[in-house]
Amino acid sequence: MTREHDNITLIRLNLDQAVIPESLGNKAIGINADMAESISDILNVSVSHPYPVQEQ
């Protein structure tokens, strides 16, 4: 779907491996981080975390 439409960008959030296909080029972003923290950063608001955050 991302390849077929010019107005779509893939954003993959994953704690361990946010692997994206190289063929997508700049139409995809991979973020290796805690999802709750990343969404909080994106929204710039505090998000309570239901699980203890593991230090990496």
PDB file of N, CA and C in Angstrom:
ATOM      1  N   MET A   1       0.819  -1.177   0.000  1.00  0.00           N
ATOM      2  CA  MET A   1       0.000   0.000   0.000  1.00  0.00           C
ATOM      3  C   MET A   1       0.880   1.264   0.000  1.00  0.00           C
ATOM      4  N   THR A   2       1.949   1.250   0.778  1.00  0.00           N
ATOM      5  CA  THR A   2       2.840   2.408   0.848  1.00  0.00           C
ATOM      6  C   THR A   2       3.475   2.704  -0.504  1.00  0.00           C
ATOM      7  N   ARG A   3       3.874   1.664  -1.204  1.00  0.00           N
ATOM      8  CA  ARG A   3       4.487   1.847  -2.530  1.00  0.00           C
ATOM      9  C   ARG A   3       3.494   2.391  -3.555  1.00  0.00           C
ATOM     10  N   GLU A   4       2.241   1.991  -3.420  1.00  0.00           N
ATOM     11  CA  GLU A   4       1.223   2.309  -4.428  1.00  0.00           C
ATOM     12  C   GLU A   4       0.668   3.729  -4.327  1.00  0.00           C
ATOM     13  N   HIS A   5       0.803   4.363  -3.162  1.00  0.00           N
ATOM     14  CA  HIS A   5       0.188   5.680  -2.956  1.00  0.00           C
ATOM     15  C   HIS A   5       1.247   6.694  -2.529  1.00  0.00           C
ATOM     16  N   ASP A   6       1.307   7.798  -3.231  1.00  0.00           N
ATOM     17  CA  ASP A   6       2.301   8.828  -2.951  1.00  0.00           C
ATOM     18  C   ASP A   6       2.093   9.536  -1.616  1.00  0.00           C
ATOM     19  N   ASN A   7       0.861   9.547  -1.117  1.00  0.00           N
ATOM     20  CA  ASN A   7       0.560  10.293   0.096  1.00  0.00           C
ATOM     21  C   ASN A   7       0.615   9.438   1.370  1.00  0.00           C
ATOM     22  N   ILE A   8       1.202   8.253   1.297  1.00  0.00           N
ATOM     23  CA  ILE A   8       1.290   7.351   2.456  1.00  0.00           C
ATOM     24  C   ILE A   8       2.744   7.178   2.863  1.00  0.00           C
ATOM     25  N   THR A   9       2.979   7.276   4.178  1.00  0.00           N
ATOM     26  CA  THR A   9       4.295   7.003   4.751  1.00  0.00           C
ATOM     27  C   THR A   9       4.123   5.939   5.830  1.00  0.00           C
ATOM     28  N   LEU A  10       4.993   4.958   5.827  1.00  0.00           N
ATOM     29  CA  LEU A  10       4.972   3.904   6.837  1.00  0.00           C
ATOM     30  C   LEU A  10       5.826   4.341   8.017  1.00  0.00           C
ATOM     31  N   ILE A  11       5.254   4.273   9.221  1.00  0.00           N
ATOM     32  CA  ILE A  11       6.014   4.513  10.441  1.00  0.00           C
ATOM     33  C   ILE A  11       5.928   3.241  11.269  1.00  0.00           C
ATOM     34  N   ARG A  12       7.071   2.628  11.535  1.00  0.00           N
ATOM     35  CA  ARG A  12       7.104   1.383  12.301  1.00  0.00           C
ATOM     36  C   ARG A  12       7.799   1.644  13.628  1.00  0.00           C
ATOM     37  N   LEU A  13       7.045   1.472  14.720  1.00  0.00           N
ATOM     38  CA  LEU A  13       7.576   1.590  16.075  1.00  0.00           C
ATOM     39  C   LEU A  13       7.735   0.192  16.643  1.00  0.00           C
ATOM     40  N   ASN A  14       8.938  -0.122  17.103  1.00  0.00           N
ATOM     41  CA  ASN A  14       9.183  -1.441  17.665  1.00  0.00           C
ATOM     42  C   ASN A  14      10.306  -1.315  18.681  1.00  0.00           C
ATOM     43  N   LEU A  15      10.141  -1.950  19.832  1.00  0.00           N
ATOM     44  CA  LEU A  15      11.130  -1.846  20.896  1.00  0.00           C
ATOM     45  C   LEU A  15      12.472  -2.430  20.495  1.00  0.00           C
ATOM     46  N   ASP A  16      12.464  -3.512  19.726  1.00  0.00           N
ATOM     47  CA  ASP A  16      13.718  -4.194  19.397  1.00  0.00           C
ATOM     48  C   ASP A  16      14.177  -3.998  17.951  1.00  0.00           C
ATOM     49  N   GLN A  17      13.291  -4.190  17.003  1.00  0.00           N
ATOM     50  CA  GLN A  17      13.684  -4.101  15.593  1.00  0.00           C
ATOM     51  C   GLN A  17      12.590  -3.431  14.775  1.00  0.00           C
ATOM     52  N   ALA A  18      12.820  -2.202  14.403  1.00  0.00           N
ATOM     53  CA  ALA A  18      11.866  -1.480  13.555  1.00  0.00           C
ATOM     54  C   ALA A  18      12.391  -1.512  12.122  1.00  0.00           C
ATOM     55  N   VAL A  19      12.475  -2.717  11.591  1.00  0.00           N
ATOM     56  CA  VAL A  19      13.041  -2.917  10.258  1.00  0.00           C
ATOM     57  C   VAL A  19      12.028  -2.494   9.201  1.00  0.00           C
ATOM     58  N   ILE A  20      12.514  -1.742   8.230  1.00  0.00           N
ATOM     59  CA  ILE A  20      11.664  -1.336   7.108  1.00  0.00           C
ATOM     60  C   ILE A  20      12.351  -1.750   5.810  1.00  0.00           C
ATOM     61  N   PRO A  21      11.585  -2.083   4.802  1.00  0.00           N
ATOM     62  CA  PRO A  21      12.181  -2.471   3.526  1.00  0.00           C
ATOM     63  C   PRO A  21      12.933  -1.306   2.883  1.00  0.00           C
ATOM     64  N   GLU A  22      14.140  -1.565   2.431  1.00  0.00           N
ATOM     65  CA  GLU A  22      14.926  -0.535   1.759  1.00  0.00           C
ATOM     66  C   GLU A  22      14.220  -0.009   0.517  1.00  0.00           C
ATOM     67  N   SER A  23      13.414  -0.851  -0.088  1.00  0.00           N
ATOM     68  CA  SER A  23      12.728  -0.460  -1.320  1.00  0.00           C
ATOM     69  C   SER A  23      11.739   0.689  -1.101  1.00  0.00           C
ATOM     70  N   LEU A  24      11.366   0.952   0.156  1.00  0.00           N
ATOM     71  CA  LEU A  24      10.442   2.052   0.424  1.00  0.00           C
ATOM     72  C   LEU A  24      11.163   3.399   0.468  1.00  0.00           C
ATOM     73  N   GLY A  25      12.476   3.380   0.567  1.00  0.00           N
ATOM     74  CA  GLY A  25      13.250   4.624   0.562  1.00  0.00           C
ATOM     75  C   GLY A  25      12.805   5.584   1.644  1.00  0.00           C
ATOM     76  N   ASN A  26      12.552   6.832   1.255  1.00  0.00           N
ATOM     77  CA  ASN A  26      12.151   7.840   2.236  1.00  0.00           C
ATOM     78  C   ASN A  26      10.648   7.829   2.517  1.00  0.00           C
ATOM     79  N   LYS A  27       9.944   6.799   2.085  1.00  0.00           N
ATOM     80  CA  LYS A  27       8.516   6.655   2.361  1.00  0.00           C
ATOM     81  C   LYS A  27       8.253   5.861   3.629  1.00  0.00           C
ATOM     82  N   ALA A  28       9.339   5.551   4.376  1.00  0.00           N
ATOM     83  CA  ALA A  28       9.187   4.763   5.602  1.00  0.00           C
ATOM     84  C   ALA A  28      10.174   5.234   6.650  1.00  0.00           C
ATOM     85  N   ILE A  29       9.744   5.128   7.910  1.00  0.00           N
ATOM     86  CA  ILE A  29      10.576   5.493   9.050  1.00  0.00           C
ATOM     87  C   ILE A  29      10.501   4.351  10.048  1.00  0.00           C
ATOM     88  N   GLY A  30      11.651   3.904  10.546  1.00  0.00           N
ATOM     89  CA  GLY A  30      11.696   2.884  11.583  1.00  0.00           C
ATOM     90  C   GLY A  30      12.204   3.500  12.872  1.00  0.00           C
ATOM     91  N   ILE A  31      11.460   3.315  13.963  1.00  0.00           N
ATOM     92  CA  ILE A  31      11.838   3.875  15.259  1.00  0.00           C
ATOM     93  C   ILE A  31      12.015   2.728  16.241  1.00  0.00           C
ATOM     94  N   ASN A  32      13.264   2.515  16.680  1.00  0.00           N
ATOM     95  CA  ASN A  32      13.578   1.488  17.675  1.00  0.00           C
ATOM     96  C   ASN A  32      13.493   2.124  19.055  1.00  0.00           C
ATOM     97  N   ALA A  33      12.321   2.054  19.669  1.00  0.00           N
ATOM     98  CA  ALA A  33      12.145   2.678  20.978  1.00  0.00           C
ATOM     99  C   ALA A  33      10.851   2.176  21.614  1.00  0.00           C
ATOM    100  N   ASP A  34      10.695   2.505  22.874  1.00  0.00           N
ATOM    101  CA  ASP A  34       9.476   2.178  23.599  1.00  0.00           C
ATOM    102  C   ASP A  34       8.305   2.950  22.970  1.00  0.00           C
ATOM    103  N   MET A  35       7.229   2.243  22.653  1.00  0.00           N
ATOM    104  CA  MET A  35       6.109   2.851  21.949  1.00  0.00           C
ATOM    105  C   MET A  35       5.441   3.949  22.779  1.00  0.00           C
ATOM    106  N   ALA A  36       5.211   3.707  24.057  1.00  0.00           N
ATOM    107  CA  ALA A  36       4.548   4.714  24.895  1.00  0.00           C
ATOM    108  C   ALA A  36       5.382   5.985  24.974  1.00  0.00           C
ATOM    109  N   GLU A  37       6.690   5.834  25.137  1.00  0.00           N
ATOM    110  CA  GLU A  37       7.557   7.009  25.197  1.00  0.00           C
ATOM    111  C   GLU A  37       7.595   7.734  23.856  1.00  0.00           C
ATOM    112  N   SER A  38       7.646   6.983  22.777  1.00  0.00           N
ATOM    113  CA  SER A  38       7.697   7.596  21.454  1.00  0.00           C
ATOM    114  C   SER A  38       6.426   8.366  21.147  1.00  0.00           C
ATOM    115  N   ILE A  39       5.291   7.781  21.459  1.00  0.00           N
ATOM    116  CA  ILE A  39       4.023   8.472  21.219  1.00  0.00           C
ATOM    117  C   ILE A  39       3.923   9.700  22.104  1.00  0.00           C
ATOM    118  N   SER A  40       4.366   9.589  23.347  1.00  0.00           N
ATOM    119  CA  SER A  40       4.382  10.741  24.241  1.00  0.00           C
ATOM    120  C   SER A  40       5.244  11.859  23.668  1.00  0.00           C
ATOM    121  N   ASP A  41       6.418  11.493  23.164  1.00  0.00           N
ATOM    122  CA  ASP A  41       7.297  12.490  22.552  1.00  0.00           C
ATOM    123  C   ASP A  41       6.643  13.128  21.331  1.00  0.00           C
ATOM    124  N   ILE A  42       5.999  12.313  20.517  1.00  0.00           N
ATOM    125  CA  ILE A  42       5.344  12.822  19.307  1.00  0.00           C
ATOM    126  C   ILE A  42       4.219  13.786  19.677  1.00  0.00           C
ATOM    127  N   LEU A  43       3.433  13.424  20.655  1.00  0.00           N
ATOM    128  CA  LEU A  43       2.296  14.255  21.063  1.00  0.00           C
ATOM    129  C   LEU A  43       2.705  15.369  22.027  1.00  0.00           C
ATOM    130  N   ASN A  44       3.923  15.229  22.594  1.00  0.00           N
ATOM    131  CA  ASN A  44       4.433  16.188  23.570  1.00  0.00           C
ATOM    132  C   ASN A  44       3.510  16.314  24.774  1.00  0.00           C
ATOM    133  N   VAL A  45       2.959  15.158  25.181  1.00  0.00           N
ATOM    134  CA  VAL A  45       2.136  15.096  26.382  1.00  0.00           C
ATOM    135  C   VAL A  45       2.594  13.910  27.206  1.00  0.00           C
ATOM    136  N   SER A  46       2.235  13.892  28.468  1.00  0.00           N
ATOM    137  CA  SER A  46       2.613  12.796  29.345  1.00  0.00           C
ATOM    138  C   SER A  46       1.681  11.605  29.107  1.00  0.00           C
ATOM    139  N   VAL A  47       2.278  10.423  28.949  1.00  0.00           N
ATOM    140  CA  VAL A  47       1.521   9.187  28.773  1.00  0.00           C
ATOM    141  C   VAL A  47       1.928   8.247  29.894  1.00  0.00           C
ATOM    142  N   SER A  48       0.961   7.779  30.682  1.00  0.00           N
ATOM    143  CA  SER A  48       1.306   6.839  31.745  1.00  0.00           C
ATOM    144  C   SER A  48       1.656   5.498  31.127  1.00  0.00           C
ATOM    145  N   HIS A  49       2.676   4.859  31.650  1.00  0.00           N
ATOM    146  CA  HIS A  49       3.175   3.595  31.099  1.00  0.00           C
ATOM    147  C   HIS A  49       2.652   2.450  31.962  1.00  0.00           C
ATOM    148  N   PRO A  50       1.875   1.510  31.395  1.00  0.00           N
ATOM    149  CA  PRO A  50       1.293   0.418  32.193  1.00  0.00           C
ATOM    150  C   PRO A  50       2.307  -0.635  32.620  1.00  0.00           C
ATOM    151  N   TYR A  51       3.476  -0.643  32.035  1.00  0.00           N
ATOM    152  CA  TYR A  51       4.492  -1.632  32.360  1.00  0.00           C
ATOM    153  C   TYR A  51       5.791  -0.913  32.729  1.00  0.00           C
ATOM    154  N   PRO A  52       6.588  -1.524  33.589  1.00  0.00           N
ATOM    155  CA  PRO A  52       7.878  -0.904  33.931  1.00  0.00           C
ATOM    156  C   PRO A  52       8.742  -0.788  32.664  1.00  0.00           C
ATOM    157  N   VAL A  53       9.376   0.337  32.480  1.00  0.00           N
ATOM    158  CA  VAL A  53      10.247   0.553  31.337  1.00  0.00           C
ATOM    159  C   VAL A  53      11.595  -0.074  31.633  1.00  0.00           C
ATOM    160  N   GLN A  54      12.072  -0.916  30.721  1.00  0.00           N
ATOM    161  CA  GLN A  54      13.372  -1.567  30.878  1.00  0.00           C
ATOM    162  C   GLN A  54      14.445  -0.682  30.300  1.00  0.00           C
ATOM    163  N   GLU A  55      15.484  -0.436  31.071  1.00  0.00           N
ATOM    164  CA  GLU A  55      16.614   0.340  30.584  1.00  0.00           C
ATOM    165  C   GLU A  55      17.381  -0.491  29.565  1.00  0.00           C
ATOM    166  N   GLN A  56      17.807   0.145  28.477  1.00  0.00           N
ATOM    167  CA  GLN A  56      18.562  -0.575  27.440  1.00  0.00           C
ATOM    168  C   GLN A  56      20.001  -0.175  27.478  1.00  0.00           C
TER     169      GLN A  56
END
